C-alpha atoms as a PDB file:
ATOM      1  CA  MET A   1     208.810 196.445  64.445  1.00  0.00           C
ATOM      2  CA  SER A   2     208.746 197.144  68.127  1.00  0.00           C
ATOM      3  CA  ASP A   3     210.104 194.772  70.732  1.00  0.00           C
ATOM      4  CA  GLU A   4     207.112 194.175  72.944  1.00  0.00           C
ATOM      5  CA  THR A   5     206.861 191.451  75.524  1.00  0.00           C
ATOM      6  CA  ILE A   6     203.731 189.861  76.866  1.00  0.00           C
ATOM      7  CA  ILE A   7     203.518 190.340  80.598  1.00  0.00           C
ATOM      8  CA  GLN A   8     200.159 188.713  81.148  1.00  0.00           C
ATOM      9  CA  GLU A   9     197.416 187.183  79.043  1.00  0.00           C
ATOM     10  CA  LYS A  10     193.894 187.763  80.253  1.00  0.00           C
ATOM     11  CA  PRO A  11     190.714 187.575  78.187  1.00  0.00           C
ATOM     12  CA  ILE A  12     188.688 190.780  78.241  1.00  0.00           C
ATOM     13  CA  THR A  13     185.322 191.712  76.807  1.00  0.00           C
ATOM     14  CA  MET A  14     184.840 194.157  73.974  1.00  0.00           C
ATOM     15  CA  VAL A  15     183.513 196.700  76.479  1.00  0.00           C
ATOM     16  CA  GLU A  16     186.618 196.379  78.647  1.00  0.00           C
ATOM     17  CA  LEU A  17     188.817 196.801  75.574  1.00  0.00           C
ATOM     18  CA  SER A  18     186.850 199.875  74.579  1.00  0.00           C
ATOM     19  CA  GLU A  19     187.407 201.345  78.062  1.00  0.00           C
ATOM     20  CA  ASP A  20     191.148 200.577  77.838  1.00  0.00           C
ATOM     21  CA  LEU A  21     191.407 202.248  74.427  1.00  0.00           C
ATOM     22  CA  ALA A  22     189.617 205.321  75.773  1.00  0.00           C
ATOM     23  CA  LYS A  23     192.186 205.562  78.591  1.00  0.00           C
ATOM     24  CA  LEU A  24     195.063 205.191  76.126  1.00  0.00           C
ATOM     25  CA  GLU A  25     193.557 207.821  73.859  1.00  0.00           C
ATOM     26  CA  LYS A  26     193.553 210.349  76.703  1.00  0.00           C
ATOM     27  CA  GLU A  27     197.296 209.788  77.179  1.00  0.00           C
ATOM     28  CA  ASP A  28     198.390 209.694  73.544  1.00  0.00           C
ATOM     29  CA  GLU A  29     197.115 209.517  69.978  1.00  0.00           C
ATOM     30  CA  LEU A  30     195.974 206.052  68.891  1.00  0.00           C
ATOM     31  CA  ASN A  31     197.683 204.327  65.968  1.00  0.00           C
ATOM     32  CA  PHE A  32     195.891 203.087  62.852  1.00  0.00           C
ATOM     33  CA  ARG A  33     194.988 199.634  64.228  1.00  0.00           C
ATOM     34  CA  ALA A  34     193.808 201.036  67.535  1.00  0.00           C
ATOM     35  CA  ASN A  35     191.558 203.510  65.717  1.00  0.00           C
ATOM     36  CA  LYS A  36     190.098 200.732  63.545  1.00  0.00           C
ATOM     37  CA  THR A  37     189.496 198.639  66.660  1.00  0.00           C
ATOM     38  CA  LYS A  38     187.867 201.593  68.412  1.00  0.00           C
ATOM     39  CA  ALA A  39     185.530 202.134  65.438  1.00  0.00           C
ATOM     40  CA  TYR A  40     184.559 198.449  65.440  1.00  0.00           C
ATOM     41  CA  LEU A  41     183.950 198.439  69.181  1.00  0.00           C
ATOM     42  CA  SER A  42     181.845 201.585  69.056  1.00  0.00           C
ATOM     43  CA  HIS A  43     179.570 199.752  66.652  1.00  0.00           C
ATOM     44  CA  PHE A  44     179.316 196.429  68.520  1.00  0.00           C
ATOM     45  CA  ALA A  45     180.122 196.982  72.215  1.00  0.00           C
ATOM     46  CA  LYS A  46     176.890 198.479  73.516  1.00  0.00           C
ATOM     47  CA  LEU A  47     176.988 197.463  77.190  1.00  0.00           C
ATOM     48  CA  LYS A  48     178.298 199.543  80.068  1.00  0.00           C
ATOM     49  CA  ILE A  49     181.230 198.290  82.112  1.00  0.00           C
ATOM     50  CA  THR A  50     178.981 197.883  85.164  1.00  0.00           C
ATOM     51  CA  GLU A  51     176.633 195.652  83.172  1.00  0.00           C
ATOM     52  CA  VAL A  52     179.548 193.513  82.007  1.00  0.00           C
ATOM     53  CA  GLU A  53     180.769 193.073  85.570  1.00  0.00           C
ATOM     54  CA  GLU A  54     177.253 192.181  86.728  1.00  0.00           C
ATOM     55  CA  ILE A  55     176.796 189.519  84.031  1.00  0.00           C
ATOM     56  CA  LYS A  56     180.283 188.104  84.637  1.00  0.00           C
ATOM     57  CA  LYS A  57     179.581 187.846  88.364  1.00  0.00           C
ATOM     58  CA  LYS A  58     176.230 186.110  87.773  1.00  0.00           C
ATOM     59  CA  ILE A  59     177.769 183.564  85.400  1.00  0.00           C
ATOM     60  CA  GLN A  60     180.641 182.873  87.788  1.00  0.00           C
ATOM     61  CA  GLU A  61     178.149 182.406  90.643  1.00  0.00           C
ATOM     62  CA  LEU A  62     176.505 179.619  88.642  1.00  0.00           C
ATOM     63  CA  ASP A  63     179.672 177.665  89.477  1.00  0.00           C
ATOM     64  CA  ILE A  64     179.686 175.709  86.231  1.00  0.00           C
ATOM     65  CA  PRO A  65     182.480 173.116  86.168  1.00  0.00           C
ATOM     66  CA  ARG A  66     185.221 173.600  83.563  1.00  0.00           C
ATOM     67  CA  LEU A  67     183.787 176.908  82.279  1.00  0.00           C
ATOM     68  CA  LYS A  68     186.825 179.041  81.507  1.00  0.00           C
ATOM     69  CA  GLU A  69     187.255 182.800  81.774  1.00  0.00           C
ATOM     70  CA  ARG A  70     187.666 183.157  78.004  1.00  0.00           C
ATOM     71  CA  GLN A  71     184.376 181.332  77.472  1.00  0.00           C
ATOM     72  CA  ILE A  72     182.635 183.666  79.902  1.00  0.00           C
ATOM     73  CA  VAL A  73     184.058 186.634  78.001  1.00  0.00           C
ATOM     74  CA  LYS A  74     182.791 185.166  74.716  1.00  0.00           C
ATOM     75  CA  ILE A  75     179.333 184.677  76.230  1.00  0.00           C
ATOM     76  CA  ILE A  76     179.225 188.270  77.488  1.00  0.00           C
ATOM     77  CA  ASP A  77     180.318 189.662  74.117  1.00  0.00           C
ATOM     78  CA  MET A  78     177.641 187.721  72.237  1.00  0.00           C
ATOM     79  CA  LEU A  79     174.833 187.550  74.856  1.00  0.00           C
ATOM     80  CA  PRO A  80     173.120 184.474  73.399  1.00  0.00           C
ATOM     81  CA  LYS A  81     169.318 184.587  73.600  1.00  0.00           C
ATOM     82  CA  SER A  82     168.725 180.870  73.163  1.00  0.00           C
ATOM     83  CA  GLU A  83     170.302 177.559  74.050  1.00  0.00           C
ATOM     84  CA  GLU A  84     171.062 176.933  70.382  1.00  0.00           C
ATOM     85  CA  GLU A  85     172.966 180.224  70.102  1.00  0.00           C
ATOM     86  CA  LEU A  86     175.032 179.359  73.178  1.00  0.00           C
ATOM     87  CA  LYS A  87     175.767 175.873  71.863  1.00  0.00           C
ATOM     88  CA  MET A  88     176.949 177.375  68.557  1.00  0.00           C
ATOM     89  CA  LEU A  89     179.124 179.822  70.448  1.00  0.00           C
ATOM     90  CA  LEU A  90     180.804 176.994  72.351  1.00  0.00           C
ATOM     91  CA  THR A  91     181.031 174.578  69.402  1.00  0.00           C
ATOM     92  CA  GLY A  92     184.791 174.840  68.935  1.00  0.00           C
ATOM     93  CA  GLU A  93     185.506 174.375  72.627  1.00  0.00           C
ATOM     94  CA  THR A  94     186.675 171.121  74.164  1.00  0.00           C
ATOM     95  CA  THR A  95     184.721 171.830  77.352  1.00  0.00           C
ATOM     96  CA  THR A  96     181.441 169.979  77.705  1.00  0.00           C
ATOM     97  CA  ILE A  97     178.662 171.884  79.437  1.00  0.00           C
ATOM     98  CA  THR A  98     175.485 170.090  80.465  1.00  0.00           C
ATOM     99  CA  ASP A  99     172.115 171.127  79.056  1.00  0.00           C
ATOM    100  CA  GLU A 100     171.044 172.175  82.552  1.00  0.00           C
ATOM    101  CA  ASN A 101     174.013 174.551  82.857  1.00  0.00           C
ATOM    102  CA  ILE A 102     173.430 175.870  79.349  1.00  0.00           C
ATOM    103  CA  LYS A 103     169.869 176.761  80.385  1.00  0.00           C
ATOM    104  CA  LYS A 104     171.199 178.592  83.451  1.00  0.00           C
ATOM    105  CA  ILE A 105     173.636 180.639  81.376  1.00  0.00           C
ATOM    106  CA  VAL A 106     170.971 181.522  78.817  1.00  0.00           C
ATOM    107  CA  GLU A 107     168.644 182.661  81.616  1.00  0.00           C
ATOM    108  CA  VAL A 108     171.307 185.089  82.811  1.00  0.00           C
ATOM    109  CA  THR A 109     171.938 186.466  79.323  1.00  0.00           C
ATOM    110  CA  LYS A 110     168.245 186.540  78.318  1.00  0.00           C
ATOM    111  CA  ASN A 111     167.313 188.409  81.482  1.00  0.00           C
ATOM    112  CA  HIS A 112     169.913 191.012  80.697  1.00  0.00           C
ATOM    113  CA  VAL A 113     168.834 191.389  77.072  1.00  0.00           C
ATOM    114  CA  LYS A 114     165.223 191.946  78.224  1.00  0.00           C
ATOM    115  CA  LYS A 115     166.386 194.932  80.314  1.00  0.00           C
ATOM    116  CA  LYS A 116     167.615 196.687  77.204  1.00  0.00           C
END
């Protein structure tokens, strides 16, 4: 086993991870796990990095109290199309988000899904 240390923990979207793996692949050959992850991401991460940044910015501009970065990342990865989908996505979280704020988030994600 290698002795690796965690320098920083930061939640990233599947698209950002895919971009990072692509950069690593240019430098060196990916290991087995990285290749499996890359295959998974190629199947599920369909957005462009610019789209991810745009959605993240719009959600952050909503200024929703107690909404954490990891929750925003989860929302971007799943792009819920309804309030029920968003509520299911946030079920395990201890953060309470009002119905009004849930509607705002869904509007952002629905508007993006319509563009596709």
